[in-house]
């Protein structure tokens, strides 16, 4: 348990949670609801966020290196300074805010769209 969030199994429900600087590296967050959560400076390296809802989440300076973000909702998420080196992405992600510091090979951040190139 971190703060008021209990990370047991898939589908964690923690909308609006304050997870600033939390170490969630390699966590199974499949299908988690972290909408509007504050994940500033959080370590999500290698975490499985497949199908997770990060709508409106603050991921400023978060480490998402090697994270699985397939089907993850990032609309309205702040990605300023976030590191996404070697993250697993699919499709495109519209409506994100700010510019990540790094992206996986073959991806670009164009305006509010994170997309394959």
N, C-alpha and C. Protein backbone atom coordinates (compact mmCIF):
# COMPACT_ATOMS: atom_id res chain seq x y z
N UNK A 1 0.84 -1.17 0.00
CA UNK A 1 0.00 0.00 0.00
C UNK A 1 0.89 1.24 0.00
N UNK A 2 0.56 2.17 -0.88
CA UNK A 2 1.26 3.46 -0.93
C UNK A 2 0.20 4.53 -0.77
N UNK A 3 0.33 5.35 0.24
CA UNK A 3 -0.70 6.34 0.52
C UNK A 3 -2.02 5.63 0.77
N UNK A 4 -3.03 5.99 0.01
CA UNK A 4 -4.34 5.36 0.15
C UNK A 4 -4.58 4.31 -0.92
N UNK A 5 -3.55 3.99 -1.70
CA UNK A 5 -3.70 3.03 -2.79
C UNK A 5 -3.21 1.66 -2.40
N UNK A 6 -4.06 0.69 -2.61
CA UNK A 6 -3.71 -0.69 -2.36
C UNK A 6 -3.46 -1.35 -3.71
N UNK A 7 -2.22 -1.69 -3.99
CA UNK A 7 -1.83 -2.25 -5.28
C UNK A 7 -1.83 -3.77 -5.23
N UNK A 8 -3.01 -4.34 -5.08
CA UNK A 8 -3.14 -5.80 -5.04
C UNK A 8 -3.89 -6.24 -6.28
N UNK A 9 -3.22 -7.03 -7.11
CA UNK A 9 -3.86 -7.55 -8.32
C UNK A 9 -4.06 -6.48 -9.37
N UNK A 10 -4.73 -6.87 -10.44
CA UNK A 10 -4.97 -5.94 -11.53
C UNK A 10 -6.21 -5.09 -11.24
N UNK A 11 -6.31 -3.98 -11.96
CA UNK A 11 -7.49 -3.13 -11.82
C UNK A 11 -7.48 -2.24 -10.60
N UNK A 12 -6.31 -1.88 -10.11
CA UNK A 12 -6.19 -0.98 -8.96
C UNK A 12 -7.01 0.29 -9.20
N UNK A 13 -7.74 0.73 -8.20
CA UNK A 13 -8.57 1.93 -8.31
C UNK A 13 -8.02 3.01 -7.39
N UNK A 14 -7.30 3.97 -7.98
CA UNK A 14 -6.70 5.06 -7.20
C UNK A 14 -6.81 6.40 -7.93
N UNK A 15 -8.00 6.75 -8.43
CA UNK A 15 -8.11 8.04 -9.12
C UNK A 15 -7.80 9.19 -8.16
N UNK A 16 -7.02 10.15 -8.66
CA UNK A 16 -6.70 11.34 -7.88
C UNK A 16 -5.68 11.13 -6.77
N UNK A 17 -5.07 9.96 -6.71
CA UNK A 17 -4.11 9.66 -5.64
C UNK A 17 -2.84 10.49 -5.77
N UNK A 18 -2.22 10.80 -4.64
CA UNK A 18 -0.93 11.48 -4.64
C UNK A 18 0.15 10.42 -4.50
N UNK A 19 0.82 10.14 -5.62
CA UNK A 19 1.88 9.13 -5.66
C UNK A 19 3.21 9.78 -6.06
N UNK A 20 3.41 11.00 -5.61
CA UNK A 20 4.64 11.73 -5.89
C UNK A 20 5.85 10.92 -5.42
N UNK A 21 6.81 10.73 -6.32
CA UNK A 21 8.06 10.02 -6.05
C UNK A 21 7.86 8.56 -5.63
N UNK A 22 6.71 7.99 -5.90
CA UNK A 22 6.46 6.59 -5.54
C UNK A 22 7.32 5.66 -6.38
N UNK A 23 7.76 4.58 -5.77
CA UNK A 23 8.51 3.56 -6.51
C UNK A 23 7.54 2.45 -6.90
N UNK A 24 7.10 2.51 -8.15
CA UNK A 24 6.19 1.51 -8.70
C UNK A 24 6.89 0.74 -9.81
N UNK A 25 8.21 0.68 -9.74
CA UNK A 25 8.97 -0.01 -10.77
C UNK A 25 8.56 -1.48 -10.83
N UNK A 26 8.34 -1.94 -12.04
CA UNK A 26 7.98 -3.32 -12.36
C UNK A 26 6.65 -3.76 -11.72
N UNK A 27 5.83 -2.81 -11.31
CA UNK A 27 4.52 -3.13 -10.73
C UNK A 27 3.55 -3.57 -11.81
N UNK A 28 2.64 -4.46 -11.46
CA UNK A 28 1.57 -4.86 -12.37
C UNK A 28 0.40 -3.93 -12.13
N UNK A 29 0.26 -2.95 -13.02
CA UNK A 29 -0.81 -1.96 -12.92
C UNK A 29 -1.77 -2.12 -14.10
N UNK A 30 -1.88 -3.34 -14.59
CA UNK A 30 -2.77 -3.63 -15.70
C UNK A 30 -4.19 -3.20 -15.36
N UNK A 31 -4.78 -2.37 -16.22
CA UNK A 31 -6.15 -1.94 -16.03
C UNK A 31 -6.37 -1.00 -14.86
N UNK A 32 -5.31 -0.47 -14.28
CA UNK A 32 -5.44 0.43 -13.12
C UNK A 32 -6.12 1.73 -13.50
N UNK A 33 -6.86 2.30 -12.56
CA UNK A 33 -7.44 3.62 -12.74
C UNK A 33 -6.61 4.60 -11.91
N UNK A 34 -5.72 5.30 -12.60
CA UNK A 34 -4.89 6.32 -11.96
C UNK A 34 -5.19 7.68 -12.57
N UNK A 35 -6.43 7.85 -13.02
CA UNK A 35 -6.83 9.12 -13.62
C UNK A 35 -6.66 10.24 -12.59
N UNK A 36 -6.16 11.37 -13.07
CA UNK A 36 -5.93 12.56 -12.25
C UNK A 36 -4.95 12.33 -11.09
N UNK A 37 -4.25 11.21 -11.10
CA UNK A 37 -3.27 10.94 -10.04
C UNK A 37 -2.03 11.82 -10.23
N UNK A 38 -1.39 12.14 -9.13
CA UNK A 38 -0.13 12.88 -9.17
C UNK A 38 0.99 11.85 -9.06
N UNK A 39 1.70 11.68 -10.17
CA UNK A 39 2.80 10.73 -10.25
C UNK A 39 4.11 11.45 -10.55
N UNK A 40 4.19 12.69 -10.10
CA UNK A 40 5.38 13.51 -10.33
C UNK A 40 6.61 12.82 -9.75
N UNK A 41 7.61 12.60 -10.60
CA UNK A 41 8.85 11.99 -10.15
C UNK A 41 8.74 10.51 -9.81
N UNK A 42 7.60 9.90 -10.10
CA UNK A 42 7.42 8.48 -9.78
C UNK A 42 8.30 7.59 -10.65
N UNK A 43 8.72 6.47 -10.09
CA UNK A 43 9.49 5.49 -10.84
C UNK A 43 8.54 4.38 -11.29
N UNK A 44 8.21 4.40 -12.58
CA UNK A 44 7.34 3.40 -13.18
C UNK A 44 8.13 2.55 -14.18
N UNK A 45 9.43 2.51 -13.99
CA UNK A 45 10.30 1.77 -14.89
C UNK A 45 9.88 0.31 -14.93
N UNK A 46 9.63 -0.19 -16.15
CA UNK A 46 9.27 -1.59 -16.34
C UNK A 46 7.87 -1.96 -15.85
N UNK A 47 7.08 -0.99 -15.41
CA UNK A 47 5.73 -1.28 -14.91
C UNK A 47 4.82 -1.69 -16.07
N UNK A 48 3.86 -2.54 -15.78
CA UNK A 48 2.87 -2.94 -16.79
C UNK A 48 1.61 -2.10 -16.58
N UNK A 49 1.44 -1.12 -17.46
CA UNK A 49 0.29 -0.22 -17.42
C UNK A 49 -0.66 -0.52 -18.57
N UNK A 50 -0.64 -1.74 -19.06
CA UNK A 50 -1.50 -2.13 -20.17
C UNK A 50 -2.96 -1.86 -19.81
N UNK A 51 -3.62 -1.06 -20.66
CA UNK A 51 -5.03 -0.76 -20.45
C UNK A 51 -5.33 0.13 -19.26
N UNK A 52 -4.32 0.73 -18.68
CA UNK A 52 -4.53 1.60 -17.51
C UNK A 52 -5.10 2.95 -17.94
N UNK A 53 -5.79 3.60 -17.02
CA UNK A 53 -6.36 4.92 -17.26
C UNK A 53 -5.51 5.96 -16.53
N UNK A 54 -4.74 6.73 -17.31
CA UNK A 54 -3.92 7.81 -16.76
C UNK A 54 -4.43 9.16 -17.25
N UNK A 55 -5.72 9.22 -17.57
CA UNK A 55 -6.33 10.46 -18.06
C UNK A 55 -6.13 11.57 -17.03
N UNK A 56 -5.50 12.66 -17.46
CA UNK A 56 -5.30 13.81 -16.59
C UNK A 56 -4.27 13.62 -15.50
N UNK A 57 -3.52 12.52 -15.54
CA UNK A 57 -2.50 12.28 -14.52
C UNK A 57 -1.30 13.20 -14.74
N UNK A 58 -0.62 13.53 -13.67
CA UNK A 58 0.60 14.35 -13.75
C UNK A 58 1.80 13.42 -13.66
N UNK A 59 2.45 13.22 -14.81
CA UNK A 59 3.63 12.35 -14.90
C UNK A 59 4.90 13.17 -15.10
N UNK A 60 4.89 14.41 -14.63
CA UNK A 60 6.05 15.28 -14.76
C UNK A 60 7.28 14.60 -14.14
N UNK A 61 8.33 14.51 -14.94
CA UNK A 61 9.61 13.92 -14.51
C UNK A 61 9.51 12.46 -14.04
N UNK A 62 8.46 11.77 -14.45
CA UNK A 62 8.32 10.36 -14.10
C UNK A 62 9.22 9.50 -14.98
N UNK A 63 9.65 8.37 -14.45
CA UNK A 63 10.46 7.41 -15.21
C UNK A 63 9.55 6.29 -15.68
N UNK A 64 9.36 6.23 -16.99
CA UNK A 64 8.53 5.19 -17.61
C UNK A 64 9.37 4.33 -18.55
N UNK A 65 10.67 4.30 -18.32
CA UNK A 65 11.57 3.54 -19.17
C UNK A 65 11.20 2.06 -19.13
N UNK A 66 10.98 1.49 -20.32
CA UNK A 66 10.66 0.08 -20.40
C UNK A 66 9.27 -0.29 -19.92
N UNK A 67 8.44 0.70 -19.64
CA UNK A 67 7.07 0.43 -19.17
C UNK A 67 6.20 -0.04 -20.33
N UNK A 68 5.21 -0.84 -20.03
CA UNK A 68 4.24 -1.32 -21.02
C UNK A 68 3.04 -0.38 -20.99
N UNK A 69 2.85 0.37 -22.08
CA UNK A 69 1.78 1.37 -22.16
C UNK A 69 0.81 1.05 -23.30
N UNK A 70 0.67 -0.21 -23.63
CA UNK A 70 -0.21 -0.63 -24.71
C UNK A 70 -1.66 -0.46 -24.27
N UNK A 71 -2.40 0.36 -25.02
CA UNK A 71 -3.80 0.60 -24.70
C UNK A 71 -4.01 1.50 -23.49
N UNK A 72 -2.96 2.14 -23.02
CA UNK A 72 -3.05 3.03 -21.87
C UNK A 72 -3.66 4.36 -22.29
N UNK A 73 -4.57 4.89 -21.50
CA UNK A 73 -5.19 6.19 -21.77
C UNK A 73 -4.28 7.28 -21.20
N UNK A 74 -3.75 8.13 -22.08
CA UNK A 74 -2.87 9.21 -21.66
C UNK A 74 -3.45 10.59 -22.00
N UNK A 75 -4.71 10.64 -22.41
CA UNK A 75 -5.33 11.91 -22.79
C UNK A 75 -5.31 12.87 -21.59
N UNK A 76 -4.78 14.06 -21.82
CA UNK A 76 -4.72 15.06 -20.76
C UNK A 76 -3.63 14.82 -19.74
N UNK A 77 -2.83 13.78 -19.92
CA UNK A 77 -1.74 13.50 -18.99
C UNK A 77 -0.58 14.45 -19.25
N UNK A 78 0.05 14.93 -18.19
CA UNK A 78 1.21 15.80 -18.31
C UNK A 78 2.46 14.93 -18.36
N UNK A 79 3.20 15.06 -19.47
CA UNK A 79 4.40 14.25 -19.69
C UNK A 79 5.68 15.08 -19.68
N UNK A 80 5.62 16.30 -19.18
CA UNK A 80 6.78 17.18 -19.17
C UNK A 80 7.95 16.52 -18.43
N UNK A 81 9.06 16.36 -19.13
CA UNK A 81 10.26 15.80 -18.52
C UNK A 81 10.21 14.31 -18.25
N UNK A 82 9.13 13.64 -18.65
CA UNK A 82 9.02 12.19 -18.42
C UNK A 82 9.98 11.44 -19.34
N UNK A 83 10.52 10.36 -18.85
CA UNK A 83 11.43 9.52 -19.63
C UNK A 83 10.69 8.26 -20.05
N UNK A 84 10.60 8.06 -21.38
CA UNK A 84 9.91 6.89 -21.93
C UNK A 84 10.84 6.03 -22.78
N UNK A 85 12.13 6.07 -22.49
CA UNK A 85 13.09 5.27 -23.23
C UNK A 85 12.69 3.79 -23.17
N UNK A 86 12.64 3.16 -24.33
CA UNK A 86 12.32 1.73 -24.45
C UNK A 86 10.94 1.35 -23.92
N UNK A 87 10.05 2.33 -23.75
CA UNK A 87 8.67 2.01 -23.35
C UNK A 87 7.97 1.31 -24.51
N UNK A 88 7.04 0.44 -24.20
CA UNK A 88 6.27 -0.29 -25.20
C UNK A 88 4.96 0.44 -25.44
N UNK A 89 4.84 1.02 -26.64
CA UNK A 89 3.66 1.80 -27.01
C UNK A 89 2.99 1.17 -28.22
N UNK A 90 1.73 1.51 -28.43
CA UNK A 90 1.04 1.05 -29.64
C UNK A 90 0.05 2.12 -30.07
N UNK A 91 -0.21 2.17 -31.38
CA UNK A 91 -1.16 3.16 -31.89
C UNK A 91 -0.64 4.56 -31.73
N UNK A 92 -1.48 5.46 -31.27
CA UNK A 92 -1.10 6.84 -31.02
C UNK A 92 -1.79 7.31 -29.75
N UNK A 93 -1.26 8.34 -29.16
CA UNK A 93 -1.79 8.85 -27.90
C UNK A 93 -2.05 10.34 -28.09
N UNK A 94 -3.32 10.73 -28.13
CA UNK A 94 -3.68 12.12 -28.38
C UNK A 94 -3.97 12.87 -27.09
N UNK A 95 -3.66 14.16 -27.12
CA UNK A 95 -4.07 15.03 -26.04
C UNK A 95 -3.17 15.06 -24.83
N UNK A 96 -1.94 14.58 -24.94
CA UNK A 96 -1.02 14.67 -23.82
C UNK A 96 -0.46 16.09 -23.74
N UNK A 97 0.02 16.47 -22.57
CA UNK A 97 0.50 17.82 -22.32
C UNK A 97 1.98 17.78 -21.99
N UNK A 98 2.74 18.74 -22.50
CA UNK A 98 4.16 18.83 -22.19
C UNK A 98 4.99 17.90 -23.06
N UNK A 99 6.29 18.09 -23.01
CA UNK A 99 7.20 17.31 -23.84
C UNK A 99 8.03 16.36 -22.99
N UNK A 100 7.96 15.06 -23.31
CA UNK A 100 8.80 14.10 -22.59
C UNK A 100 10.28 14.35 -22.88
N UNK A 101 11.13 13.96 -21.96
CA UNK A 101 12.57 14.14 -22.13
C UNK A 101 13.15 13.08 -23.07
N UNK A 102 12.51 11.90 -23.12
CA UNK A 102 12.97 10.86 -24.03
C UNK A 102 11.80 9.97 -24.44
N UNK A 103 11.94 9.40 -25.64
CA UNK A 103 10.90 8.52 -26.20
C UNK A 103 11.55 7.25 -26.73
N UNK A 104 10.74 6.22 -26.92
CA UNK A 104 11.30 5.01 -27.54
C UNK A 104 11.68 5.29 -28.99
N UNK A 105 12.60 4.51 -29.51
CA UNK A 105 12.98 4.64 -30.91
C UNK A 105 11.74 4.48 -31.78
N UNK A 106 11.63 5.32 -32.81
CA UNK A 106 10.51 5.22 -33.74
C UNK A 106 9.27 5.98 -33.30
N UNK A 107 9.37 6.78 -32.26
CA UNK A 107 8.23 7.56 -31.76
C UNK A 107 8.59 9.03 -31.70
N UNK A 108 7.58 9.89 -31.86
CA UNK A 108 7.78 11.33 -31.79
C UNK A 108 6.61 11.97 -31.05
N UNK A 109 6.89 13.10 -30.44
CA UNK A 109 5.84 13.88 -29.77
C UNK A 109 5.59 15.10 -30.64
N UNK A 110 4.45 15.13 -31.31
CA UNK A 110 4.11 16.22 -32.21
C UNK A 110 2.88 16.92 -31.65
N UNK A 111 3.12 18.11 -31.07
CA UNK A 111 2.02 18.82 -30.42
C UNK A 111 1.50 17.98 -29.27
N UNK A 112 0.20 17.76 -29.25
CA UNK A 112 -0.33 16.94 -28.16
C UNK A 112 -0.43 15.46 -28.50
N UNK A 113 0.27 15.03 -29.56
CA UNK A 113 0.14 13.64 -30.01
C UNK A 113 1.47 12.90 -29.92
N UNK A 114 1.46 11.80 -29.22
CA UNK A 114 2.59 10.89 -29.16
C UNK A 114 2.31 9.82 -30.21
N UNK A 115 3.18 9.74 -31.22
CA UNK A 115 2.85 8.88 -32.36
C UNK A 115 4.08 8.19 -32.94
N UNK A 116 3.84 7.05 -33.60
CA UNK A 116 4.96 6.39 -34.28
C UNK A 116 5.37 7.19 -35.51
N UNK A 117 6.65 7.12 -35.83
CA UNK A 117 7.14 7.82 -37.03
C UNK A 117 7.65 6.82 -38.04
